[in-house]
């Protein structure tokens, strides 16, 4: 489980604010299907929110630790029933798209009927 510096955590919290939970952990708890879904979501997005239905705060905190240890993610935030985790993507970021070369302006020649 990776630890984040306070500055990194602050930036990730700001990014996560606008996100909606992509995975919901139901009454069954952390089943293999839920872990698989979390893995899939982390591959697609490096920062995700998870909604946990556990009533006990300590149970949710333990769930956050277990998720992070199984997936190799870092815990970012735990507010109420929403857990936020982050894992750097293993893929190299795509190179920025190349800018199209500006077209040269065609040189306008004087027409025979124009004066110098």
Protein backbone atom coordinates (compact mmCIF):
# COMPACT_ATOMS: atom_id res chain seq x y z
CA UNK A 1 0.00 0.00 0.00
CA UNK A 2 1.49 3.31 -1.10
CA UNK A 3 1.43 6.32 1.19
CA UNK A 4 0.73 9.79 -0.11
CA UNK A 5 2.19 13.05 1.08
CA UNK A 6 -0.27 15.62 2.46
CA UNK A 7 0.19 17.79 -0.64
CA UNK A 8 -0.57 14.87 -2.97
CA UNK A 9 -3.58 13.90 -0.89
CA UNK A 10 -4.88 17.48 -1.03
CA UNK A 11 -4.65 17.57 -4.83
CA UNK A 12 -6.33 14.16 -5.14
CA UNK A 13 -9.16 15.21 -2.81
CA UNK A 14 -9.78 18.23 -5.02
CA UNK A 15 -9.85 16.01 -8.14
CA UNK A 16 -12.15 13.49 -6.46
CA UNK A 17 -14.68 16.08 -5.36
CA UNK A 18 -16.52 16.06 -8.70
CA UNK A 19 -16.43 12.27 -9.15
CA UNK A 20 -19.34 9.94 -8.53
CA UNK A 21 -18.89 6.51 -6.92
CA UNK A 22 -18.17 3.88 -9.58
CA UNK A 23 -18.24 0.80 -7.33
CA UNK A 24 -20.72 -0.08 -4.59
CA UNK A 25 -19.92 -2.59 -1.87
CA UNK A 26 -23.16 -4.21 -0.73
CA UNK A 27 -24.14 -6.30 2.27
CA UNK A 28 -22.01 -9.21 1.01
CA UNK A 29 -18.86 -7.21 1.66
CA UNK A 30 -15.70 -7.51 -0.39
CA UNK A 31 -16.44 -10.43 -2.68
CA UNK A 32 -14.06 -11.42 -5.49
CA UNK A 33 -16.46 -9.82 -7.98
CA UNK A 34 -16.25 -6.48 -6.15
CA UNK A 35 -12.44 -6.63 -6.06
CA UNK A 36 -12.41 -7.42 -9.79
CA UNK A 37 -14.67 -4.42 -10.47
CA UNK A 38 -12.42 -2.17 -8.39
CA UNK A 39 -9.38 -3.42 -10.34
CA UNK A 40 -11.14 -2.74 -13.64
CA UNK A 41 -12.09 0.76 -12.52
CA UNK A 42 -8.56 1.52 -11.33
CA UNK A 43 -7.18 0.45 -14.72
CA UNK A 44 -9.58 2.81 -16.47
CA UNK A 45 -9.29 5.69 -13.97
CA UNK A 46 -6.48 6.21 -11.52
CA UNK A 47 -8.73 7.86 -8.92
CA UNK A 48 -12.08 6.31 -7.95
CA UNK A 49 -14.81 6.59 -5.36
CA UNK A 50 -16.37 3.55 -3.72
CA UNK A 51 -19.67 3.53 -1.84
CA UNK A 52 -19.69 1.15 1.13
CA UNK A 53 -22.94 0.06 2.76
CA UNK A 54 -21.40 -1.00 6.09
CA UNK A 55 -22.96 0.87 9.01
CA UNK A 56 -19.95 0.76 11.32
CA UNK A 57 -17.19 3.31 10.69
CA UNK A 58 -14.51 0.90 11.89
CA UNK A 59 -15.78 -1.74 9.44
CA UNK A 60 -15.55 0.77 6.58
CA UNK A 61 -12.03 1.76 7.67
CA UNK A 62 -11.00 -1.91 7.72
CA UNK A 63 -12.63 -2.35 4.29
CA UNK A 64 -10.60 0.59 2.96
CA UNK A 65 -7.39 -0.96 4.26
CA UNK A 66 -8.23 -4.34 2.76
CA UNK A 67 -9.11 -2.82 -0.62
CA UNK A 68 -5.85 -0.90 -0.68
CA UNK A 69 -3.76 -3.91 0.28
CA UNK A 70 -5.43 -6.15 -2.34
CA UNK A 71 -5.21 -3.63 -5.18
CA UNK A 72 -1.99 -1.81 -4.35
CA UNK A 73 -3.82 1.51 -4.18
CA UNK A 74 -3.36 4.34 -1.71
CA UNK A 75 -6.22 5.58 0.50
CA UNK A 76 -7.04 9.22 -0.17
CA UNK A 77 -10.18 9.94 1.82
CA UNK A 78 -12.93 8.32 3.87
CA UNK A 79 -15.97 10.49 4.40
CA UNK A 80 -19.14 8.83 5.59
CA UNK A 81 -19.85 5.85 3.38
CA UNK A 82 -17.66 7.04 0.52
CA UNK A 83 -14.10 5.80 0.14
CA UNK A 84 -11.63 7.40 -2.28
CA UNK A 85 -8.59 5.47 -3.50
CA UNK A 86 -5.77 6.25 -5.92
CA UNK A 87 -3.38 4.09 -7.90
CA UNK A 88 -1.03 5.42 -10.53
CA UNK A 89 -1.78 3.93 -13.89
CA UNK A 90 0.77 1.35 -14.98
CA UNK A 91 0.46 2.33 -18.61
CA UNK A 92 2.55 5.11 -19.99
CA UNK A 93 0.49 8.22 -20.61
CA UNK A 94 -0.46 8.74 -24.21
CA UNK A 95 1.67 11.34 -25.97
CA UNK A 96 -0.09 14.62 -26.58
CA UNK A 97 -1.66 14.88 -30.02
CA UNK A 98 0.54 16.47 -32.64
CA UNK A 99 -0.46 19.91 -33.75
CA UNK A 100 -1.26 20.30 -37.36
CA UNK A 101 1.21 22.36 -39.26
CA UNK A 102 -0.13 25.77 -40.17
CA UNK A 103 -0.77 26.17 -43.82
CA UNK A 104 1.38 28.64 -45.63
CA UNK A 105 -0.45 31.56 -47.03
CA UNK A 106 -0.43 31.43 -50.80
CA UNK A 107 1.63 34.22 -52.24
CA UNK A 108 -0.55 36.59 -54.11
CA UNK A 109 0.86 37.77 -57.37
CA UNK A 110 -0.10 40.98 -58.98
CA UNK A 111 -2.40 40.70 -61.85
CA UNK A 112 -1.55 42.19 -65.19
CA UNK A 113 -4.22 44.86 -64.88
CA UNK A 114 -2.96 46.14 -61.53
CA UNK A 115 -0.55 49.03 -61.45
CA UNK A 116 2.75 48.88 -59.67
